[in-house]
Structure formats: C-alpha cells, structure tokens
Amino acid sequence: MLLSNMRALGIDPQKVEVIVISHLHSDHVGGLPGFLEKTHDLCVFLPESIPQRIKTTVMERGAKLIEVHKPVRICKNAYSTGELGTRIKEQSLLIKTSKGLIVITGCAHPGIVNIVKEAKTQLKSKVYLVLGGFHLSGEGAGQIKAIVKAIRKEGVKIVAPCHCSGDLARSTFKNEYGENFVLAGVGKRLENLESLVPSP
C-alpha cells in the first residue's frame, strides 16, 4: 500500500534519504520491508525499543540503522524527540522553521500535549504546526475539549490532526482553530506554510 500510494503521488523511493519510524504498530512500520526492497541507500531511524527482528530486516536490506533512545539530530533542522512514553514508546519528528517548530507525530501515544511540551523544551522554540495522529479517536467530548484548550495554551498556531485523531477531535479542533485548522490525510501536500497563518 505504501509503494502504491507513493506511485500515485509521483514519489520515487530512490530519492528518499531518511526514514523515521515513530513506533512499533504495523500501520507505521509494516511497509518498511517492501520499501527497502526498492532502495536501501538510506538511513532508518528506529526507536530503540523496536523488536530486534525489525532492526535485523533493516540491516539485512543494506540500509543504515540508527537506534533512537534520547533526542537526536537527524539532519539540518530536523530532530527526533527520542523515545517518549512508557507502555508504547514513540518518537516524533521536529522540524525547525523561521516560524517555529513543526511537530510531526505518528499516533501521539505519549499524549499530544506532552509531545508539544517536550518539543518546546528540547529545542527552546515555540511550536508553529502540529501534524499527525493525536490519538483521540474514541475519547469523549469533554476530554477532547480539554486537550484542545491545552494545545492552545501551549501557543500552537496551526493544527492538522489526522490518522487516529477521530472525527470528533478534528471537528473540535476545526471549531477552535478556524482557518488555522488543516484537514490532513494521505496525499495531502503542505506548501508555503507561512501563508497559512494570517499576518498580524
């Protein structure tokens, strides 16, 4: 499915230089073996807690394996939070921009508010955009409203909840953020992000 989606989007696997895997769940790591059959001249950043069988697959395919436990720089202006959480350990991707940090989550199992706070602490920067799974599907309206309020309090300018966020969370964030809410999903391209936030 991953390779099929990439073909539909015109993305050449041979041009990918870095892969960052957020956590163990199959919908986040399941496409990796098939992808590495197409290309292996790249670095794969995996949480240290990922089972050895997956690490072995990466190395057997010839890719460079980098195990992540603590925060680490991936490349220019891109960082991993390191493993966060307890039961399900997960890393998020942090991108430095002139407007602040872009935080890209997998499922946000450690808690979306916790991840935002950790990103701000690690890189000493405000958060501009949070994109990815917020792990709120199935949560009640009261809990979701509290999380939306907490994200607002952390100063996040733009939100793009998708994947496991749930329809109720998406609609609640949209009501709160208005034009600074981005309806995200597979195939969505975000370009010229500065233009998403109105000038003061």
C-alpha atoms as a PDB file:
ATOM      1  CA  MET A   1       0.000   0.000   0.000  1.00  0.00           C
ATOM      2  CA  LEU A   2       2.850   2.408   0.818  1.00  0.00           C
ATOM      3  CA  LEU A   3       4.531   1.873  -2.531  1.00  0.00           C
ATOM      4  CA  SER A   4       1.186   2.144  -4.332  1.00  0.00           C
ATOM      5  CA  ASN A   5       0.483   5.481  -2.636  1.00  0.00           C
ATOM      6  CA  MET A   6       3.970   6.726  -3.497  1.00  0.00           C
ATOM      7  CA  ARG A   7       3.444   5.834  -7.157  1.00  0.00           C
ATOM      8  CA  ALA A   8       0.118   7.682  -7.157  1.00  0.00           C
ATOM      9  CA  LEU A   9       1.846  10.749  -5.698  1.00  0.00           C
ATOM     10  CA  GLY A  10       4.817  10.551  -8.052  1.00  0.00           C
ATOM     11  CA  ILE A  11       7.331   9.940  -5.259  1.00  0.00           C
ATOM     12  CA  ASP A  12      10.414   7.950  -6.295  1.00  0.00           C
ATOM     13  CA  PRO A  13      11.659   5.625  -3.500  1.00  0.00           C
ATOM     14  CA  GLN A  14      15.199   6.042  -4.850  1.00  0.00           C
ATOM     15  CA  LYS A  15      15.140   9.717  -3.854  1.00  0.00           C
ATOM     16  CA  VAL A  16      14.330   9.031  -0.189  1.00  0.00           C
ATOM     17  CA  GLU A  17      17.404   9.566   2.006  1.00  0.00           C
ATOM     18  CA  VAL A  18      15.988   9.177   5.512  1.00  0.00           C
ATOM     19  CA  ILE A  19      13.140   7.190   7.082  1.00  0.00           C
ATOM     20  CA  VAL A  20      11.917   7.951  10.603  1.00  0.00           C
ATOM     21  CA  ILE A  21       9.678   5.294  12.165  1.00  0.00           C
ATOM     22  CA  SER A  22       7.551   6.552  15.042  1.00  0.00           C
ATOM     23  CA  HIS A  23       6.637   3.313  16.818  1.00  0.00           C
ATOM     24  CA  LEU A  24       6.061  -0.410  16.536  1.00  0.00           C
ATOM     25  CA  HIS A  25       2.449  -0.647  15.295  1.00  0.00           C
ATOM     26  CA  SER A  26       2.112  -2.368  11.931  1.00  0.00           C
ATOM     27  CA  ASP A  27       0.371   0.569  10.242  1.00  0.00           C
ATOM     28  CA  HIS A  28       3.516   2.617  10.928  1.00  0.00           C
ATOM     29  CA  VAL A  29       6.269   0.095  10.263  1.00  0.00           C
ATOM     30  CA  GLY A  30       4.577  -2.566   8.094  1.00  0.00           C
ATOM     31  CA  GLY A  31       5.572  -1.007   4.770  1.00  0.00           C
ATOM     32  CA  LEU A  32       9.264  -0.812   5.655  1.00  0.00           C
ATOM     33  CA  PRO A  33      10.469  -4.224   4.388  1.00  0.00           C
ATOM     34  CA  GLY A  34       8.809  -3.790   0.991  1.00  0.00           C
ATOM     35  CA  PHE A  35      10.126  -0.247   0.700  1.00  0.00           C
ATOM     36  CA  LEU A  36      13.684  -1.375   1.454  1.00  0.00           C
ATOM     37  CA  GLU A  37      13.469  -3.882  -1.401  1.00  0.00           C
ATOM     38  CA  LYS A  38      13.199  -0.891  -3.753  1.00  0.00           C
ATOM     39  CA  THR A  39      16.035   1.095  -2.221  1.00  0.00           C
ATOM     40  CA  HIS A  40      18.442   0.648   0.666  1.00  0.00           C
ATOM     41  CA  ASP A  41      20.887   3.545   0.280  1.00  0.00           C
ATOM     42  CA  LEU A  42      19.414   5.486   3.190  1.00  0.00           C
ATOM     43  CA  CYS A  43      19.268   5.850   6.975  1.00  0.00           C
ATOM     44  CA  VAL A  44      16.427   4.397   9.050  1.00  0.00           C
ATOM     45  CA  PHE A  45      15.827   5.970  12.456  1.00  0.00           C
ATOM     46  CA  LEU A  46      14.029   3.430  14.643  1.00  0.00           C
ATOM     47  CA  PRO A  47      13.053   3.688  18.310  1.00  0.00           C
ATOM     48  CA  GLU A  48      15.489   1.632  20.368  1.00  0.00           C
ATOM     49  CA  SER A  49      12.559  -0.335  21.827  1.00  0.00           C
ATOM     50  CA  ILE A  50      11.519  -1.697  18.405  1.00  0.00           C
ATOM     51  CA  PRO A  51      11.937  -5.516  18.306  1.00  0.00           C
ATOM     52  CA  GLN A  52      15.225  -6.888  17.015  1.00  0.00           C
ATOM     53  CA  ARG A  53      13.523  -8.700  14.104  1.00  0.00           C
ATOM     54  CA  ILE A  54      12.655  -5.321  12.529  1.00  0.00           C
ATOM     55  CA  LYS A  55      16.168  -3.981  13.115  1.00  0.00           C
ATOM     56  CA  THR A  56      17.567  -7.126  11.507  1.00  0.00           C
ATOM     57  CA  THR A  57      15.339  -6.604   8.469  1.00  0.00           C
ATOM     58  CA  VAL A  58      16.706  -3.079   8.035  1.00  0.00           C
ATOM     59  CA  MET A  59      20.318  -4.243   8.257  1.00  0.00           C
ATOM     60  CA  GLU A  60      19.776  -7.279   6.002  1.00  0.00           C
ATOM     61  CA  ARG A  61      18.317  -4.984   3.320  1.00  0.00           C
ATOM     62  CA  GLY A  62      21.533  -2.925   3.456  1.00  0.00           C
ATOM     63  CA  ALA A  63      20.163   0.285   4.989  1.00  0.00           C
ATOM     64  CA  LYS A  64      21.943   2.119   7.782  1.00  0.00           C
ATOM     65  CA  LEU A  65      20.158   1.537  11.096  1.00  0.00           C
ATOM     66  CA  ILE A  66      20.153   4.264  13.732  1.00  0.00           C
ATOM     67  CA  GLU A  67      18.559   3.317  17.041  1.00  0.00           C
ATOM     68  CA  VAL A  68      16.996   6.247  18.866  1.00  0.00           C
ATOM     69  CA  HIS A  69      16.504   6.472  22.600  1.00  0.00           C
ATOM     70  CA  LYS A  70      17.368  10.060  23.510  1.00  0.00           C
ATOM     71  CA  PRO A  71      16.712  13.190  21.406  1.00  0.00           C
ATOM     72  CA  VAL A  72      18.903  13.265  18.311  1.00  0.00           C
ATOM     73  CA  ARG A  73      19.585  15.464  15.284  1.00  0.00           C
ATOM     74  CA  ILE A  74      18.535  13.696  12.078  1.00  0.00           C
ATOM     75  CA  CYS A  75      19.741  16.240   9.532  1.00  0.00           C
ATOM     76  CA  LYS A  76      19.785  20.006   9.129  1.00  0.00           C
ATOM     77  CA  ASN A  77      16.787  21.470  11.005  1.00  0.00           C
ATOM     78  CA  ALA A  78      15.267  18.029  11.657  1.00  0.00           C
ATOM     79  CA  TYR A  79      15.310  16.266  15.020  1.00  0.00           C
ATOM     80  CA  SER A  80      13.802  13.319  16.859  1.00  0.00           C
ATOM     81  CA  THR A  81      12.272  13.813  20.286  1.00  0.00           C
ATOM     82  CA  GLY A  82      13.741  10.479  21.273  1.00  0.00           C
ATOM     83  CA  GLU A  83      11.534   7.791  22.742  1.00  0.00           C
ATOM     84  CA  LEU A  84       8.683   9.228  24.776  1.00  0.00           C
ATOM     85  CA  GLY A  85       6.025   7.403  26.763  1.00  0.00           C
ATOM     86  CA  THR A  86       6.051   4.205  28.771  1.00  0.00           C
ATOM     87  CA  ARG A  87       3.799   1.374  27.573  1.00  0.00           C
ATOM     88  CA  ILE A  88       4.050   2.311  23.875  1.00  0.00           C
ATOM     89  CA  LYS A  89       7.290   4.189  23.259  1.00  0.00           C
ATOM     90  CA  GLU A  90       7.212   6.583  20.343  1.00  0.00           C
ATOM     91  CA  GLN A  91       9.411   9.223  18.724  1.00  0.00           C
ATOM     92  CA  SER A  92       8.118  12.334  16.993  1.00  0.00           C
ATOM     93  CA  LEU A  93       9.800  14.385  14.289  1.00  0.00           C
ATOM     94  CA  LEU A  94      10.652  18.054  14.894  1.00  0.00           C
ATOM     95  CA  ILE A  95      11.376  20.454  12.019  1.00  0.00           C
ATOM     96  CA  LYS A  96      12.845  23.888  12.710  1.00  0.00           C
ATOM     97  CA  THR A  97      11.396  26.736  10.622  1.00  0.00           C
ATOM     98  CA  SER A  98      11.548  30.509  10.763  1.00  0.00           C
ATOM     99  CA  LYS A  99       8.015  30.491  12.228  1.00  0.00           C
ATOM    100  CA  GLY A 100       8.736  27.925  14.920  1.00  0.00           C
ATOM    101  CA  LEU A 101       8.696  24.153  15.177  1.00  0.00           C
ATOM    102  CA  ILE A 102       6.690  21.760  13.064  1.00  0.00           C
ATOM    103  CA  VAL A 103       5.882  18.698  15.169  1.00  0.00           C
ATOM    104  CA  ILE A 104       5.024  15.533  13.213  1.00  0.00           C
ATOM    105  CA  THR A 105       3.593  12.690  15.262  1.00  0.00           C
ATOM    106  CA  GLY A 106       2.834   9.064  14.498  1.00  0.00           C
ATOM    107  CA  CYS A 107      -0.020   8.318  16.884  1.00  0.00           C
ATOM    108  CA  ALA A 108       0.927  10.502  19.867  1.00  0.00           C
ATOM    109  CA  HIS A 109       0.631   7.581  22.277  1.00  0.00           C
ATOM    110  CA  PRO A 110       2.667   9.551  24.866  1.00  0.00           C
ATOM    111  CA  GLY A 111      -0.019  12.288  24.713  1.00  0.00           C
ATOM    112  CA  ILE A 112      -0.175  15.088  22.163  1.00  0.00           C
ATOM    113  CA  VAL A 113       0.139  17.807  24.815  1.00  0.00           C
ATOM    114  CA  ASN A 114       3.140  16.056  26.365  1.00  0.00           C
ATOM    115  CA  ILE A 115       4.830  15.832  22.970  1.00  0.00           C
ATOM    116  CA  VAL A 116       4.291  19.548  22.266  1.00  0.00           C
ATOM    117  CA  LYS A 117       5.696  20.478  25.666  1.00  0.00           C
ATOM    118  CA  GLU A 118       8.696  18.211  25.154  1.00  0.00           C
ATOM    119  CA  ALA A 119       9.379  19.687  21.706  1.00  0.00           C
ATOM    120  CA  LYS A 120       9.352  23.216  23.113  1.00  0.00           C
ATOM    121  CA  THR A 121      11.683  22.215  25.935  1.00  0.00           C
ATOM    122  CA  GLN A 122      14.144  20.295  23.786  1.00  0.00           C
ATOM    123  CA  LEU A 123      14.640  22.896  21.074  1.00  0.00           C
ATOM    124  CA  LYS A 124      13.796  26.019  23.103  1.00  0.00           C
ATOM    125  CA  SER A 125      11.310  27.174  20.494  1.00  0.00           C
ATOM    126  CA  LYS A 126       7.615  27.838  20.077  1.00  0.00           C
ATOM    127  CA  VAL A 127       5.511  25.354  18.097  1.00  0.00           C
ATOM    128  CA  TYR A 128       4.074  26.574  14.800  1.00  0.00           C
ATOM    129  CA  LEU A 129       2.311  23.464  13.457  1.00  0.00           C
ATOM    130  CA  VAL A 130       1.349  20.081  14.906  1.00  0.00           C
ATOM    131  CA  LEU A 131       0.625  17.442  12.265  1.00  0.00           C
ATOM    132  CA  GLY A 132      -0.224  13.750  12.575  1.00  0.00           C
ATOM    133  CA  GLY A 133      -2.133  11.348  14.755  1.00  0.00           C
ATOM    134  CA  PHE A 134      -3.374  12.845  18.025  1.00  0.00           C
ATOM    135  CA  HIS A 135      -4.662   9.501  19.413  1.00  0.00           C
ATOM    136  CA  LEU A 136      -8.062  10.910  20.368  1.00  0.00           C
ATOM    137  CA  SER A 137     -10.385   8.567  18.482  1.00  0.00           C
ATOM    138  CA  GLY A 138     -12.959   7.276  20.941  1.00  0.00           C
ATOM    139  CA  GLU A 139     -12.300   9.967  23.561  1.00  0.00           C
ATOM    140  CA  GLY A 140     -15.264  11.886  24.986  1.00  0.00           C
ATOM    141  CA  ALA A 141     -16.124  15.483  24.105  1.00  0.00           C
ATOM    142  CA  GLY A 142     -15.016  16.822  27.485  1.00  0.00           C
ATOM    143  CA  GLN A 143     -11.578  15.193  27.295  1.00  0.00           C
ATOM    144  CA  ILE A 144     -11.067  16.407  23.738  1.00  0.00           C
ATOM    145  CA  LYS A 145     -12.063  19.973  24.617  1.00  0.00           C
ATOM    146  CA  ALA A 146      -9.563  19.940  27.478  1.00  0.00           C
ATOM    147  CA  ILE A 147      -6.802  18.809  25.122  1.00  0.00           C
ATOM    148  CA  VAL A 148      -7.719  21.455  22.544  1.00  0.00           C
ATOM    149  CA  LYS A 149      -7.553  24.081  25.289  1.00  0.00           C
ATOM    150  CA  ALA A 150      -4.165  22.766  26.441  1.00  0.00           C
ATOM    151  CA  ILE A 151      -2.783  22.836  22.890  1.00  0.00           C
ATOM    152  CA  ARG A 152      -3.983  26.440  22.565  1.00  0.00           C
ATOM    153  CA  LYS A 153      -2.320  27.281  25.873  1.00  0.00           C
ATOM    154  CA  GLU A 154       0.975  25.925  24.523  1.00  0.00           C
ATOM    155  CA  GLY A 155       0.786  28.518  21.730  1.00  0.00           C
ATOM    156  CA  VAL A 156       0.396  26.154  18.771  1.00  0.00           C
ATOM    157  CA  LYS A 157      -0.567  28.248  15.723  1.00  0.00           C
ATOM    158  CA  ILE A 158      -1.766  25.569  13.261  1.00  0.00           C
ATOM    159  CA  VAL A 159      -3.144  22.076  13.836  1.00  0.00           C
ATOM    160  CA  ALA A 160      -3.513  19.228  11.349  1.00  0.00           C
ATOM    161  CA  PRO A 161      -4.882  16.207  13.229  1.00  0.00           C
ATOM    162  CA  CYS A 162      -5.261  13.050  11.140  1.00  0.00           C
ATOM    163  CA  HIS A 163      -4.878   9.271  11.289  1.00  0.00           C
ATOM    164  CA  CYS A 164      -6.030   8.175  14.793  1.00  0.00           C
ATOM    165  CA  SER A 165      -7.339  11.598  15.847  1.00  0.00           C
ATOM    166  CA  GLY A 166     -11.003  10.792  15.213  1.00  0.00           C
ATOM    167  CA  ASP A 167     -13.793  12.829  13.646  1.00  0.00           C
ATOM    168  CA  LEU A 168     -14.904  14.428  16.916  1.00  0.00           C
ATOM    169  CA  ALA A 169     -11.401  15.675  17.669  1.00  0.00           C
ATOM    170  CA  ARG A 170     -10.988  17.013  14.125  1.00  0.00           C
ATOM    171  CA  SER A 171     -14.276  18.909  14.279  1.00  0.00           C
ATOM    172  CA  THR A 172     -13.468  20.267  17.754  1.00  0.00           C
ATOM    173  CA  PHE A 173     -10.054  21.490  16.630  1.00  0.00           C
ATOM    174  CA  LYS A 174     -11.621  22.979  13.493  1.00  0.00           C
ATOM    175  CA  ASN A 175     -14.173  24.901  15.564  1.00  0.00           C
ATOM    176  CA  GLU A 176     -11.408  26.249  17.792  1.00  0.00           C
ATOM    177  CA  TYR A 177      -8.746  26.975  15.163  1.00  0.00           C
ATOM    178  CA  GLY A 178     -10.882  28.065  12.202  1.00  0.00           C
ATOM    179  CA  GLU A 179      -8.683  28.947   9.221  1.00  0.00           C
ATOM    180  CA  ASN A 180      -5.643  27.651  11.136  1.00  0.00           C
ATOM    181  CA  PHE A 181      -7.053  24.115  11.048  1.00  0.00           C
ATOM    182  CA  VAL A 182      -5.709  21.941   8.205  1.00  0.00           C
ATOM    183  CA  LEU A 183      -7.684  18.924   7.020  1.00  0.00           C
ATOM    184  CA  ALA A 184      -4.812  16.479   6.577  1.00  0.00           C
ATOM    185  CA  GLY A 185      -4.613  12.925   5.286  1.00  0.00           C
ATOM    186  CA  VAL A 186      -2.856  10.627   2.842  1.00  0.00           C
ATOM    187  CA  GLY A 187      -1.700  12.551  -0.223  1.00  0.00           C
ATOM    188  CA  LYS A 188      -2.104  15.997   1.341  1.00  0.00           C
ATOM    189  CA  ARG A 189       0.747  18.350   0.466  1.00  0.00           C
ATOM    190  CA  LEU A 190       1.527  21.270   2.755  1.00  0.00           C
ATOM    191  CA  GLU A 191       3.442  24.007   0.973  1.00  0.00           C
ATOM    192  CA  ASN A 192       4.199  27.645   1.818  1.00  0.00           C
ATOM    193  CA  LEU A 193       3.219  27.059   5.434  1.00  0.00           C
ATOM    194  CA  GLU A 194       3.874  30.680   6.369  1.00  0.00           C
ATOM    195  CA  SER A 195       0.844  31.672   4.289  1.00  0.00           C
ATOM    196  CA  LEU A 196      -1.462  29.519   6.434  1.00  0.00           C
ATOM    197  CA  VAL A 197      -1.209  31.956   9.323  1.00  0.00           C
ATOM    198  CA  PRO A 198      -2.572  35.446   8.654  1.00  0.00           C
ATOM    199  CA  SER A 199      -0.160  38.323   9.146  1.00  0.00           C
ATOM    200  CA  PRO A 200      -0.744  40.288  12.374  1.00  0.00           C
END
